[in-house]
Amino acid sequence: ADQQGNPNLAIFGSTQLKGEQIVIGMGNNRSLENLQQNPQATLMVVIPGTSILSFQGIRLYLHCKKIEDSGPLLDEIRTAASIHAGKAAARMIQQVLCFDIIKSRDLIDMSAIPAAK
């Protein structure tokens, strides 16, 4: 969300786990603008299942620590994007953002489901 609380939701294919940090390659877009105003973000990773309760994944609560528009990490993210998504996708990546993971939760939170009587 930006400073006024207006949220944004986007799909990113360049997300990587590097040690204890999440790094994401990103273009000049609304997500970048929002993160420049408010460094808090969430990331949801989903592996579909045959029913909603068989889905797997995690919800991560993040804090953007760094935005870089040059350097070896950006080059690495662009190279990976070129291999997996093509040269056009790699050219769209203008920055790499580094996030600390503040909190994580299971994708399906079974504690919220009442017990059977």
PDB file of N, CA and C in Angstrom:
ATOM      1  N   ALA A   1       0.845  -1.175   0.000  1.00  0.00           N
ATOM      2  CA  ALA A   1       0.000   0.000   0.000  1.00  0.00           C
ATOM      3  C   ALA A   1       0.894   1.243   0.000  1.00  0.00           C
ATOM      4  N   ASP A   2       0.391   2.294  -0.633  1.00  0.00           N
ATOM      5  CA  ASP A   2       1.142   3.544  -0.625  1.00  0.00           C
ATOM      6  C   ASP A   2       0.912   4.290   0.694  1.00  0.00           C
ATOM      7  N   GLN A   3       1.403   5.521   0.787  1.00  0.00           N
ATOM      8  CA  GLN A   3       1.268   6.289   2.024  1.00  0.00           C
ATOM      9  C   GLN A   3      -0.188   6.547   2.402  1.00  0.00           C
ATOM     10  N   GLN A   4      -1.075   6.611   1.412  1.00  0.00           N
ATOM     11  CA  GLN A   4      -2.491   6.845   1.672  1.00  0.00           C
ATOM     12  C   GLN A   4      -3.248   5.546   1.974  1.00  0.00           C
ATOM     13  N   GLY A   5      -2.563   4.415   1.916  1.00  0.00           N
ATOM     14  CA  GLY A   5      -3.191   3.128   2.199  1.00  0.00           C
ATOM     15  C   GLY A   5      -3.809   2.456   0.987  1.00  0.00           C
ATOM     16  N   ASN A   6      -3.565   2.984  -0.216  1.00  0.00           N
ATOM     17  CA  ASN A   6      -4.093   2.374  -1.436  1.00  0.00           C
ATOM     18  C   ASN A   6      -3.262   1.140  -1.776  1.00  0.00           C
ATOM     19  N   PRO A   7      -3.882  -0.046  -1.770  1.00  0.00           N
ATOM     20  CA  PRO A   7      -3.109  -1.280  -1.987  1.00  0.00           C
ATOM     21  C   PRO A   7      -2.820  -1.541  -3.458  1.00  0.00           C
ATOM     22  N   ASN A   8      -1.871  -2.396  -3.680  1.00  0.00           N
ATOM     23  CA  ASN A   8      -1.552  -2.888  -5.009  1.00  0.00           C
ATOM     24  C   ASN A   8      -1.233  -4.373  -4.885  1.00  0.00           C
ATOM     25  N   LEU A   9      -1.610  -5.126  -5.888  1.00  0.00           N
ATOM     26  CA  LEU A   9      -1.350  -6.556  -5.924  1.00  0.00           C
ATOM     27  C   LEU A   9      -0.762  -6.882  -7.285  1.00  0.00           C
ATOM     28  N   ALA A  10       0.310  -7.680  -7.311  1.00  0.00           N
ATOM     29  CA  ALA A  10       0.958  -7.990  -8.580  1.00  0.00           C
ATOM     30  C   ALA A  10       1.574  -9.380  -8.519  1.00  0.00           C
ATOM     31  N   ILE A  11       1.839  -9.931  -9.688  1.00  0.00           N
ATOM     32  CA  ILE A  11       2.522 -11.213  -9.826  1.00  0.00           C
ATOM     33  C   ILE A  11       3.952 -10.932 -10.262  1.00  0.00           C
ATOM     34  N   PHE A  12       4.910 -11.568  -9.572  1.00  0.00           N
ATOM     35  CA  PHE A  12       6.321 -11.411  -9.921  1.00  0.00           C
ATOM     36  C   PHE A  12       6.938 -12.779 -10.142  1.00  0.00           C
ATOM     37  N   GLY A  13       7.582 -12.943 -11.279  1.00  0.00           N
ATOM     38  CA  GLY A  13       8.219 -14.210 -11.603  1.00  0.00           C
ATOM     39  C   GLY A  13       9.695 -14.236 -11.262  1.00  0.00           C
ATOM     40  N   SER A  14      10.216 -13.120 -10.788  1.00  0.00           N
ATOM     41  CA  SER A  14      11.654 -13.021 -10.539  1.00  0.00           C
ATOM     42  C   SER A  14      11.999 -13.108  -9.059  1.00  0.00           C
ATOM     43  N   THR A  15      11.123 -13.652  -8.258  1.00  0.00           N
ATOM     44  CA  THR A  15      11.331 -13.725  -6.814  1.00  0.00           C
ATOM     45  C   THR A  15      12.287 -14.863  -6.467  1.00  0.00           C
ATOM     46  N   GLN A  16      13.261 -14.565  -5.611  1.00  0.00           N
ATOM     47  CA  GLN A  16      14.226 -15.571  -5.184  1.00  0.00           C
ATOM     48  C   GLN A  16      14.477 -15.443  -3.683  1.00  0.00           C
ATOM     49  N   LEU A  17      14.790 -16.563  -3.062  1.00  0.00           N
ATOM     50  CA  LEU A  17      15.232 -16.582  -1.673  1.00  0.00           C
ATOM     51  C   LEU A  17      16.754 -16.602  -1.687  1.00  0.00           C
ATOM     52  N   LYS A  18      17.357 -15.603  -1.063  1.00  0.00           N
ATOM     53  CA  LYS A  18      18.826 -15.494  -0.983  1.00  0.00           C
ATOM     54  C   LYS A  18      19.196 -15.448   0.490  1.00  0.00           C
ATOM     55  N   GLY A  19      19.615 -16.583   1.013  1.00  0.00           N
ATOM     56  CA  GLY A  19      19.916 -16.639   2.434  1.00  0.00           C
ATOM     57  C   GLY A  19      18.643 -16.408   3.240  1.00  0.00           C
ATOM     58  N   GLU A  20      18.630 -15.366   4.035  1.00  0.00           N
ATOM     59  CA  GLU A  20      17.469 -15.019   4.869  1.00  0.00           C
ATOM     60  C   GLU A  20      16.628 -13.910   4.250  1.00  0.00           C
ATOM     61  N   GLN A  21      16.929 -13.523   3.010  1.00  0.00           N
ATOM     62  CA  GLN A  21      16.210 -12.431   2.366  1.00  0.00           C
ATOM     63  C   GLN A  21      15.468 -12.907   1.124  1.00  0.00           C
ATOM     64  N   ILE A  22      14.406 -12.181   0.791  1.00  0.00           N
ATOM     65  CA  ILE A  22      13.698 -12.343  -0.477  1.00  0.00           C
ATOM     66  C   ILE A  22      14.194 -11.234  -1.396  1.00  0.00           C
ATOM     67  N   VAL A  23      14.556 -11.575  -2.625  1.00  0.00           N
ATOM     68  CA  VAL A  23      14.922 -10.564  -3.613  1.00  0.00           C
ATOM     69  C   VAL A  23      13.969 -10.681  -4.795  1.00  0.00           C
ATOM     70  N   ILE A  24      13.579  -9.519  -5.314  1.00  0.00           N
ATOM     71  CA  ILE A  24      12.625  -9.471  -6.417  1.00  0.00           C
ATOM     72  C   ILE A  24      13.117  -8.463  -7.451  1.00  0.00           C
ATOM     73  N   GLY A  25      13.199  -8.895  -8.701  1.00  0.00           N
ATOM     74  CA  GLY A  25      13.481  -7.990  -9.797  1.00  0.00           C
ATOM     75  C   GLY A  25      12.179  -7.317 -10.215  1.00  0.00           C
ATOM     76  N   MET A  26      12.255  -6.016 -10.470  1.00  0.00           N
ATOM     77  CA  MET A  26      11.025  -5.260 -10.711  1.00  0.00           C
ATOM     78  C   MET A  26      11.281  -4.127 -11.697  1.00  0.00           C
ATOM     79  N   GLY A  27      10.267  -3.794 -12.452  1.00  0.00           N
ATOM     80  CA  GLY A  27      10.322  -2.642 -13.343  1.00  0.00           C
ATOM     81  C   GLY A  27       9.812  -1.397 -12.641  1.00  0.00           C
ATOM     82  N   ASN A  28       9.710  -0.318 -13.403  1.00  0.00           N
ATOM     83  CA  ASN A  28       9.168   0.927 -12.867  1.00  0.00           C
ATOM     84  C   ASN A  28       7.648   0.817 -12.910  1.00  0.00           C
ATOM     85  N   ASN A  29       7.056   0.434 -11.783  1.00  0.00           N
ATOM     86  CA  ASN A  29       5.625   0.182 -11.759  1.00  0.00           C
ATOM     87  C   ASN A  29       5.016   0.642 -10.433  1.00  0.00           C
ATOM     88  N   ARG A  30       3.732   0.413 -10.278  1.00  0.00           N
ATOM     89  CA  ARG A  30       3.027   0.837  -9.073  1.00  0.00           C
ATOM     90  C   ARG A  30       3.583   0.164  -7.819  1.00  0.00           C
ATOM     91  N   SER A  31       3.957  -1.103  -7.908  1.00  0.00           N
ATOM     92  CA  SER A  31       4.522  -1.789  -6.743  1.00  0.00           C
ATOM     93  C   SER A  31       5.790  -1.087  -6.262  1.00  0.00           C
ATOM     94  N   LEU A  32       6.661  -0.707  -7.188  1.00  0.00           N
ATOM     95  CA  LEU A  32       7.886   0.010  -6.820  1.00  0.00           C
ATOM     96  C   LEU A  32       7.536   1.352  -6.181  1.00  0.00           C
ATOM     97  N   GLU A  33       6.623   2.093  -6.789  1.00  0.00           N
ATOM     98  CA  GLU A  33       6.216   3.389  -6.225  1.00  0.00           C
ATOM     99  C   GLU A  33       5.703   3.221  -4.800  1.00  0.00           C
ATOM    100  N   ASN A  34       4.848   2.218  -4.590  1.00  0.00           N
ATOM    101  CA  ASN A  34       4.301   1.995  -3.252  1.00  0.00           C
ATOM    102  C   ASN A  34       5.401   1.641  -2.252  1.00  0.00           C
ATOM    103  N   LEU A  35       6.330   0.778  -2.656  1.00  0.00           N
ATOM    104  CA  LEU A  35       7.399   0.367  -1.742  1.00  0.00           C
ATOM    105  C   LEU A  35       8.364   1.504  -1.426  1.00  0.00           C
ATOM    106  N   GLN A  36       8.498   2.451  -2.325  1.00  0.00           N
ATOM    107  CA  GLN A  36       9.319   3.628  -2.041  1.00  0.00           C
ATOM    108  C   GLN A  36       8.644   4.509  -0.987  1.00  0.00           C
ATOM    109  N   GLN A  37       7.315   4.455  -0.907  1.00  0.00           N
ATOM    110  CA  GLN A  37       6.566   5.229   0.080  1.00  0.00           C
ATOM    111  C   GLN A  37       6.359   4.462   1.385  1.00  0.00           C
ATOM    112  N   ASN A  38       6.200   3.144   1.275  1.00  0.00           N
ATOM    113  CA  ASN A  38       5.874   2.297   2.415  1.00  0.00           C
ATOM    114  C   ASN A  38       6.614   0.964   2.219  1.00  0.00           C
ATOM    115  N   PRO A  39       7.616   0.667   3.028  1.00  0.00           N
ATOM    116  CA  PRO A  39       8.450  -0.519   2.788  1.00  0.00           C
ATOM    117  C   PRO A  39       7.823  -1.851   3.207  1.00  0.00           C
ATOM    118  N   GLN A  40       6.594  -1.851   3.692  1.00  0.00           N
ATOM    119  CA  GLN A  40       5.947  -3.090   4.124  1.00  0.00           C
ATOM    120  C   GLN A  40       5.293  -3.781   2.924  1.00  0.00           C
ATOM    121  N   ALA A  41       5.418  -5.109   2.877  1.00  0.00           N
ATOM    122  CA  ALA A  41       4.843  -5.865   1.764  1.00  0.00           C
ATOM    123  C   ALA A  41       4.472  -7.267   2.244  1.00  0.00           C
ATOM    124  N   THR A  42       3.691  -7.950   1.442  1.00  0.00           N
ATOM    125  CA  THR A  42       3.396  -9.357   1.675  1.00  0.00           C
ATOM    126  C   THR A  42       3.682 -10.128   0.399  1.00  0.00           C
ATOM    127  N   LEU A  43       4.002 -11.396   0.576  1.00  0.00           N
ATOM    128  CA  LEU A  43       4.256 -12.284  -0.552  1.00  0.00           C
ATOM    129  C   LEU A  43       3.562 -13.601  -0.250  1.00  0.00           C
ATOM    130  N   MET A  44       2.796 -14.090  -1.199  1.00  0.00           N
ATOM    131  CA  MET A  44       2.123 -15.368  -1.035  1.00  0.00           C
ATOM    132  C   MET A  44       2.661 -16.334  -2.094  1.00  0.00           C
ATOM    133  N   VAL A  45       3.094 -17.502  -1.638  1.00  0.00           N
ATOM    134  CA  VAL A  45       3.588 -18.551  -2.516  1.00  0.00           C
ATOM    135  C   VAL A  45       2.572 -19.689  -2.443  1.00  0.00           C
ATOM    136  N   VAL A  46       2.065 -20.108  -3.615  1.00  0.00           N
ATOM    137  CA  VAL A  46       0.992 -21.105  -3.664  1.00  0.00           C
ATOM    138  C   VAL A  46       1.371 -22.254  -4.583  1.00  0.00           C
ATOM    139  N   ILE A  47       1.150 -23.477  -4.087  1.00  0.00           N
ATOM    140  CA  ILE A  47       1.249 -24.686  -4.908  1.00  0.00           C
ATOM    141  C   ILE A  47      -0.164 -25.269  -4.942  1.00  0.00           C
ATOM    142  N   PRO A  48      -0.851 -25.187  -6.087  1.00  0.00           N
ATOM    143  CA  PRO A  48      -2.241 -25.651  -6.144  1.00  0.00           C
ATOM    144  C   PRO A  48      -2.383 -27.132  -5.822  1.00  0.00           C
ATOM    145  N   GLY A  49      -3.510 -27.476  -5.232  1.00  0.00           N
ATOM    146  CA  GLY A  49      -3.850 -28.863  -4.936  1.00  0.00           C
ATOM    147  C   GLY A  49      -5.144 -29.236  -5.634  1.00  0.00           C
ATOM    148  N   THR A  50      -5.645 -30.417  -5.353  1.00  0.00           N
ATOM    149  CA  THR A  50      -6.873 -30.877  -5.987  1.00  0.00           C
ATOM    150  C   THR A  50      -8.115 -30.253  -5.348  1.00  0.00           C
ATOM    151  N   SER A  51      -7.984 -29.748  -4.112  1.00  0.00           N
ATOM    152  CA  SER A  51      -9.058 -29.007  -3.460  1.00  0.00           C
ATOM    153  C   SER A  51      -8.414 -27.870  -2.679  1.00  0.00           C
ATOM    154  N   ILE A  52      -9.200 -26.892  -2.272  1.00  0.00           N
ATOM    155  CA  ILE A  52      -8.644 -25.718  -1.601  1.00  0.00           C
ATOM    156  C   ILE A  52      -7.846 -26.093  -0.354  1.00  0.00           C
ATOM    157  N   LEU A  53      -8.302 -27.084   0.394  1.00  0.00           N
ATOM    158  CA  LEU A  53      -7.590 -27.462   1.619  1.00  0.00           C
ATOM    159  C   LEU A  53      -6.323 -28.276   1.351  1.00  0.00           C
ATOM    160  N   SER A  54      -6.119 -28.705   0.096  1.00  0.00           N
ATOM    161  CA  SER A  54      -4.887 -29.417  -0.226  1.00  0.00           C
ATOM    162  C   SER A  54      -3.839 -28.496  -0.866  1.00  0.00           C
ATOM    163  N   PHE A  55      -4.180 -27.220  -1.030  1.00  0.00           N
ATOM    164  CA  PHE A  55      -3.188 -26.264  -1.511  1.00  0.00           C
ATOM    165  C   PHE A  55      -2.060 -26.187  -0.489  1.00  0.00           C
ATOM    166  N   GLN A  56      -0.841 -25.934  -0.975  1.00  0.00           N
ATOM    167  CA  GLN A  56       0.307 -25.750  -0.105  1.00  0.00           C
ATOM    168  C   GLN A  56       0.911 -24.381  -0.368  1.00  0.00           C
ATOM    169  N   GLY A  57       1.606 -23.867   0.609  1.00  0.00           N
ATOM    170  CA  GLY A  57       2.274 -22.589   0.414  1.00  0.00           C
ATOM    171  C   GLY A  57       2.494 -21.866   1.718  1.00  0.00           C
ATOM    172  N   ILE A  58       2.835 -20.593   1.569  1.00  0.00           N
ATOM    173  CA  ILE A  58       3.171 -19.779   2.734  1.00  0.00           C
ATOM    174  C   ILE A  58       2.830 -18.321   2.452  1.00  0.00           C
ATOM    175  N   ARG A  59       2.530 -17.596   3.517  1.00  0.00           N
ATOM    176  CA  ARG A  59       2.350 -16.144   3.457  1.00  0.00           C
ATOM    177  C   ARG A  59       3.530 -15.513   4.193  1.00  0.00           C
ATOM    178  N   LEU A  60       4.222 -14.605   3.530  1.00  0.00           N
ATOM    179  CA  LEU A  60       5.373 -13.937   4.126  1.00  0.00           C
ATOM    180  C   LEU A  60       5.071 -12.451   4.284  1.00  0.00           C
ATOM    181  N   TYR A  61       5.433 -11.917   5.424  1.00  0.00           N
ATOM    182  CA  TYR A  61       5.292 -10.489   5.707  1.00  0.00           C
ATOM    183  C   TYR A  61       6.699  -9.909   5.656  1.00  0.00           C
ATOM    184  N   LEU A  62       6.895  -8.897   4.812  1.00  0.00           N
ATOM    185  CA  LEU A  62       8.229  -8.436   4.434  1.00  0.00           C
ATOM    186  C   LEU A  62       8.446  -6.955   4.741  1.00  0.00           C
ATOM    187  N   HIS A  63       9.724  -6.591   4.828  1.00  0.00           N
ATOM    188  CA  HIS A  63      10.133  -5.194   4.939  1.00  0.00           C
ATOM    189  C   HIS A  63      11.226  -4.955   3.901  1.00  0.00           C
ATOM    190  N   CYS A  64      10.996  -3.998   2.998  1.00  0.00           N
ATOM    191  CA  CYS A  64      11.961  -3.683   1.935  1.00  0.00           C
ATOM    192  C   CYS A  64      13.135  -2.914   2.532  1.00  0.00           C
ATOM    193  N   LYS A  65      14.314  -3.520   2.505  1.00  0.00           N
ATOM    194  CA  LYS A  65      15.508  -2.928   3.093  1.00  0.00           C
ATOM    195  C   LYS A  65      16.343  -2.157   2.076  1.00  0.00           C
ATOM    196  N   LYS A  66      16.257  -2.557   0.799  1.00  0.00           N
ATOM    197  CA  LYS A  66      17.168  -1.971  -0.176  1.00  0.00           C
ATOM    198  C   LYS A  66      16.568  -2.057  -1.571  1.00  0.00           C
ATOM    199  N   ILE A  67      16.769  -0.998  -2.362  1.00  0.00           N
ATOM    200  CA  ILE A  67      16.391  -0.974  -3.773  1.00  0.00           C
ATOM    201  C   ILE A  67      17.639  -0.591  -4.552  1.00  0.00           C
ATOM    202  N   GLU A  68      18.066  -1.458  -5.478  1.00  0.00           N
ATOM    203  CA  GLU A  68      19.277  -1.207  -6.269  1.00  0.00           C
ATOM    204  C   GLU A  68      18.918  -1.132  -7.742  1.00  0.00           C
ATOM    205  N   ASP A  69      19.499  -0.157  -8.443  1.00  0.00           N
ATOM    206  CA  ASP A  69      19.254  -0.046  -9.882  1.00  0.00           C
ATOM    207  C   ASP A  69      20.490  -0.387 -10.707  1.00  0.00           C
ATOM    208  N   SER A  70      21.492  -1.005 -10.056  1.00  0.00           N
ATOM    209  CA  SER A  70      22.684  -1.495 -10.757  1.00  0.00           C
ATOM    210  C   SER A  70      23.409  -2.468  -9.836  1.00  0.00           C
ATOM    211  N   GLY A  71      24.358  -3.185 -10.411  1.00  0.00           N
ATOM    212  CA  GLY A  71      25.188  -4.064  -9.604  1.00  0.00           C
ATOM    213  C   GLY A  71      25.016  -5.531  -9.938  1.00  0.00           C
ATOM    214  N   PRO A  72      25.836  -6.380  -9.293  1.00  0.00           N
ATOM    215  CA  PRO A  72      25.853  -7.808  -9.622  1.00  0.00           C
ATOM    216  C   PRO A  72      24.553  -8.540  -9.294  1.00  0.00           C
ATOM    217  N   LEU A  73      23.867  -8.143  -8.235  1.00  0.00           N
ATOM    218  CA  LEU A  73      22.609  -8.824  -7.904  1.00  0.00           C
ATOM    219  C   LEU A  73      21.549  -8.555  -8.969  1.00  0.00           C
ATOM    220  N   LEU A  74      21.447  -7.316  -9.430  1.00  0.00           N
ATOM    221  CA  LEU A  74      20.507  -6.992 -10.507  1.00  0.00           C
ATOM    222  C   LEU A  74      20.877  -7.760 -11.771  1.00  0.00           C
ATOM    223  N   ASP A  75      22.159  -7.828 -12.096  1.00  0.00           N
ATOM    224  CA  ASP A  75      22.598  -8.587 -13.271  1.00  0.00           C
ATOM    225  C   ASP A  75      22.213 -10.061 -13.152  1.00  0.00           C
ATOM    226  N   GLU A  76      22.368 -10.628 -11.955  1.00  0.00           N
ATOM    227  CA  GLU A  76      22.020 -12.035 -11.726  1.00  0.00           C
ATOM    228  C   GLU A  76      20.520 -12.268 -11.916  1.00  0.00           C
ATOM    229  N   ILE A  77      19.702 -11.368 -11.390  1.00  0.00           N
ATOM    230  CA  ILE A  77      18.241 -11.490 -11.525  1.00  0.00           C
ATOM    231  C   ILE A  77      17.840 -11.369 -12.991  1.00  0.00           C
ATOM    232  N   ARG A  78      18.433 -10.432 -13.707  1.00  0.00           N
ATOM    233  CA  ARG A  78      18.125 -10.265 -15.136  1.00  0.00           C
ATOM    234  C   ARG A  78      18.533 -11.505 -15.942  1.00  0.00           C
ATOM    235  N   THR A  79      19.691 -12.071 -15.642  1.00  0.00           N
ATOM    236  CA  THR A  79      20.151 -13.275 -16.345  1.00  0.00           C
ATOM    237  C   THR A  79      19.177 -14.424 -16.112  1.00  0.00           C
ATOM    238  N   ALA A  80      18.766 -14.616 -14.865  1.00  0.00           N
ATOM    239  CA  ALA A  80      17.809 -15.689 -14.553  1.00  0.00           C
ATOM    240  C   ALA A  80      16.488 -15.457 -15.275  1.00  0.00           C
ATOM    241  N   ALA A  81      16.017 -14.211 -15.309  1.00  0.00           N
ATOM    242  CA  ALA A  81      14.768 -13.897 -16.002  1.00  0.00           C
ATOM    243  C   ALA A  81      14.894 -14.177 -17.492  1.00  0.00           C
ATOM    244  N   SER A  82      16.032 -13.856 -18.077  1.00  0.00           N
ATOM    245  CA  SER A  82      16.249 -14.098 -19.503  1.00  0.00           C
ATOM    246  C   SER A  82      16.187 -15.589 -19.816  1.00  0.00           C
ATOM    247  N   ILE A  83      16.781 -16.405 -18.951  1.00  0.00           N
ATOM    248  CA  ILE A  83      16.791 -17.858 -19.160  1.00  0.00           C
ATOM    249  C   ILE A  83      15.389 -18.444 -19.018  1.00  0.00           C
ATOM    250  N   HIS A  84      14.658 -18.011 -17.996  1.00  0.00           N
ATOM    251  CA  HIS A  84      13.371 -18.627 -17.675  1.00  0.00           C
ATOM    252  C   HIS A  84      12.168 -17.979 -18.354  1.00  0.00           C
ATOM    253  N   ALA A  85      12.287 -16.683 -18.683  1.00  0.00           N
ATOM    254  CA  ALA A  85      11.119 -15.982 -19.237  1.00  0.00           C
ATOM    255  C   ALA A  85      11.404 -15.249 -20.538  1.00  0.00           C
ATOM    256  N   GLY A  86      12.665 -15.187 -20.948  1.00  0.00           N
ATOM    257  CA  GLY A  86      13.015 -14.551 -22.214  1.00  0.00           C
ATOM    258  C   GLY A  86      13.655 -13.186 -22.034  1.00  0.00           C
ATOM    259  N   LYS A  87      14.292 -12.720 -23.104  1.00  0.00           N
ATOM    260  CA  LYS A  87      15.029 -11.452 -23.062  1.00  0.00           C
ATOM    261  C   LYS A  87      14.123 -10.254 -22.824  1.00  0.00           C
ATOM    262  N   ALA A  88      12.917 -10.281 -23.356  1.00  0.00           N
ATOM    263  CA  ALA A  88      11.995  -9.150 -23.144  1.00  0.00           C
ATOM    264  C   ALA A  88      11.655  -8.999 -21.665  1.00  0.00           C
ATOM    265  N   ALA A  89      11.428 -10.121 -20.993  1.00  0.00           N
ATOM    266  CA  ALA A  89      11.136 -10.072 -19.548  1.00  0.00           C
ATOM    267  C   ALA A  89      12.338  -9.527 -18.787  1.00  0.00           C
ATOM    268  N   ALA A  90      13.527  -9.942 -19.162  1.00  0.00           N
ATOM    269  CA  ALA A  90      14.736  -9.463 -18.482  1.00  0.00           C
ATOM    270  C   ALA A  90      14.917  -7.964 -18.656  1.00  0.00           C
ATOM    271  N   ARG A  91      14.594  -7.443 -19.840  1.00  0.00           N
ATOM    272  CA  ARG A  91      14.729  -6.008 -20.084  1.00  0.00           C
ATOM    273  C   ARG A  91      13.750  -5.187 -19.240  1.00  0.00           C
ATOM    274  N   MET A  92      12.638  -5.763 -18.855  1.00  0.00           N
ATOM    275  CA  MET A  92      11.650  -5.043 -18.041  1.00  0.00           C
ATOM    276  C   MET A  92      12.140  -4.822 -16.612  1.00  0.00           C
ATOM    277  N   ILE A  93      13.084  -5.629 -16.156  1.00  0.00           N
ATOM    278  CA  ILE A  93      13.572  -5.524 -14.772  1.00  0.00           C
ATOM    279  C   ILE A  93      14.570  -4.370 -14.686  1.00  0.00           C
ATOM    280  N   GLN A  94      14.206  -3.353 -13.931  1.00  0.00           N
ATOM    281  CA  GLN A  94      15.029  -2.149 -13.786  1.00  0.00           C
ATOM    282  C   GLN A  94      15.685  -2.032 -12.414  1.00  0.00           C
ATOM    283  N   GLN A  95      15.119  -2.714 -11.413  1.00  0.00           N
ATOM    284  CA  GLN A  95      15.646  -2.673 -10.059  1.00  0.00           C
ATOM    285  C   GLN A  95      15.586  -4.064  -9.450  1.00  0.00           C
ATOM    286  N   VAL A  96      16.372  -4.237  -8.407  1.00  0.00           N
ATOM    287  CA  VAL A  96      16.234  -5.417  -7.565  1.00  0.00           C
ATOM    288  C   VAL A  96      15.966  -4.904  -6.155  1.00  0.00           C
ATOM    289  N   LEU A  97      14.955  -5.495  -5.533  1.00  0.00           N
ATOM    290  CA  LEU A  97      14.558  -5.100  -4.189  1.00  0.00           C
ATOM    291  C   LEU A  97      14.892  -6.231  -3.228  1.00  0.00           C
ATOM    292  N   CYS A  98      15.438  -5.888  -2.073  1.00  0.00           N
ATOM    293  CA  CYS A  98      15.816  -6.858  -1.048  1.00  0.00           C
ATOM    294  C   CYS A  98      14.906  -6.678   0.162  1.00  0.00           C
ATOM    295  N   PHE A  99      14.312  -7.781   0.602  1.00  0.00           N
ATOM    296  CA  PHE A  99      13.342  -7.761   1.695  1.00  0.00           C
ATOM    297  C   PHE A  99      13.797  -8.643   2.838  1.00  0.00           C
ATOM    298  N   ASP A 100      13.618  -8.164   4.061  1.00  0.00           N
ATOM    299  CA  ASP A 100      13.738  -9.012   5.239  1.00  0.00           C
ATOM    300  C   ASP A 100      12.389  -9.671   5.469  1.00  0.00           C
ATOM    301  N   ILE A 101      12.407 -10.920   5.913  1.00  0.00           N
ATOM    302  CA  ILE A 101      11.175 -11.623   6.264  1.00  0.00           C
ATOM    303  C   ILE A 101      10.883 -11.315   7.728  1.00  0.00           C
ATOM    304  N   ILE A 102       9.757 -10.658   7.971  1.00  0.00           N
ATOM    305  CA  ILE A 102       9.379 -10.253   9.324  1.00  0.00           C
ATOM    306  C   ILE A 102       8.584 -11.356  10.022  1.00  0.00           C
ATOM    307  N   LYS A 103       7.692 -12.001   9.275  1.00  0.00           N
ATOM    308  CA  LYS A 103       6.812 -13.009   9.849  1.00  0.00           C
ATOM    309  C   LYS A 103       6.369 -13.941   8.727  1.00  0.00           C
ATOM    310  N   SER A 104       6.038 -15.184   9.071  1.00  0.00           N
ATOM    311  CA  SER A 104       5.486 -16.108   8.083  1.00  0.00           C
ATOM    312  C   SER A 104       4.291 -16.828   8.692  1.00  0.00           C
ATOM    313  N   ARG A 105       3.376 -17.227   7.816  1.00  0.00           N
ATOM    314  CA  ARG A 105       2.201 -18.002   8.217  1.00  0.00           C
ATOM    315  C   ARG A 105       1.933 -19.038   7.148  1.00  0.00           C
ATOM    316  N   ASP A 106       1.371 -20.173   7.564  1.00  0.00           N
ATOM    317  CA  ASP A 106       0.958 -21.175   6.588  1.00  0.00           C
ATOM    318  C   ASP A 106      -0.068 -20.575   5.642  1.00  0.00           C
ATOM    319  N   LEU A 107      -0.103 -21.075   4.434  1.00  0.00           N
ATOM    320  CA  LEU A 107      -1.094 -20.611   3.467  1.00  0.00           C
ATOM    321  C   LEU A 107      -2.509 -20.913   3.956  1.00  0.00           C
ATOM    322  N   ILE A 108      -2.728 -22.142   4.374  1.00  0.00           N
ATOM    323  CA  ILE A 108      -4.025 -22.546   4.921  1.00  0.00           C
ATOM    324  C   ILE A 108      -3.870 -22.609   6.437  1.00  0.00           C
ATOM    325  N   ASP A 109      -4.524 -21.688   7.131  1.00  0.00           N
ATOM    326  CA  ASP A 109      -4.428 -21.602   8.588  1.00  0.00           C
ATOM    327  C   ASP A 109      -5.550 -22.426   9.200  1.00  0.00           C
ATOM    328  N   MET A 110      -5.236 -23.665   9.534  1.00  0.00           N
ATOM    329  CA  MET A 110      -6.249 -24.586  10.063  1.00  0.00           C
ATOM    330  C   MET A 110      -6.725 -24.199  11.455  1.00  0.00           C
ATOM    331  N   SER A 111      -5.981 -23.325  12.155  1.00  0.00           N
ATOM    332  CA  SER A 111      -6.415 -22.920  13.491  1.00  0.00           C
ATOM    333  C   SER A 111      -7.680 -22.060  13.432  1.00  0.00           C
ATOM    334  N   ALA A 112      -7.975 -21.511  12.263  1.00  0.00           N
ATOM    335  CA  ALA A 112      -9.160 -20.680  12.123  1.00  0.00           C
ATOM    336  C   ALA A 112     -10.413 -21.500  11.842  1.00  0.00           C
ATOM    337  N   ILE A 113     -10.268 -22.808  11.616  1.00  0.00           N
ATOM    338  CA  ILE A 113     -11.414 -23.671  11.307  1.00  0.00           C
ATOM    339  C   ILE A 113     -11.931 -24.282  12.612  1.00  0.00           C
ATOM    340  N   PRO A 114     -13.220 -24.082  12.932  1.00  0.00           N
ATOM    341  CA  PRO A 114     -13.751 -24.646  14.182  1.00  0.00           C
ATOM    342  C   PRO A 114     -13.669 -26.165  14.191  1.00  0.00           C
ATOM    343  N   ALA A 115     -13.422 -26.716  15.371  1.00  0.00           N
ATOM    344  CA  ALA A 115     -13.374 -28.174  15.514  1.00  0.00           C
ATOM    345  C   ALA A 115     -14.770 -28.770  15.333  1.00  0.00           C
ATOM    346  N   ALA A 116     -14.830 -29.971  14.777  1.00  0.00           N
ATOM    347  CA  ALA A 116     -16.112 -30.678  14.586  1.00  0.00           C
ATOM    348  C   ALA A 116     -16.685 -31.058  15.953  1.00  0.00           C
ATOM    349  N   LYS A 117     -18.004 -30.996  16.060  1.00  0.00           N
ATOM    350  CA  LYS A 117     -18.675 -31.353  17.329  1.00  0.00           C
ATOM    351  C   LYS A 117     -19.284 -32.718  17.245  1.00  0.00           C
TER     352      LYS A 117
END
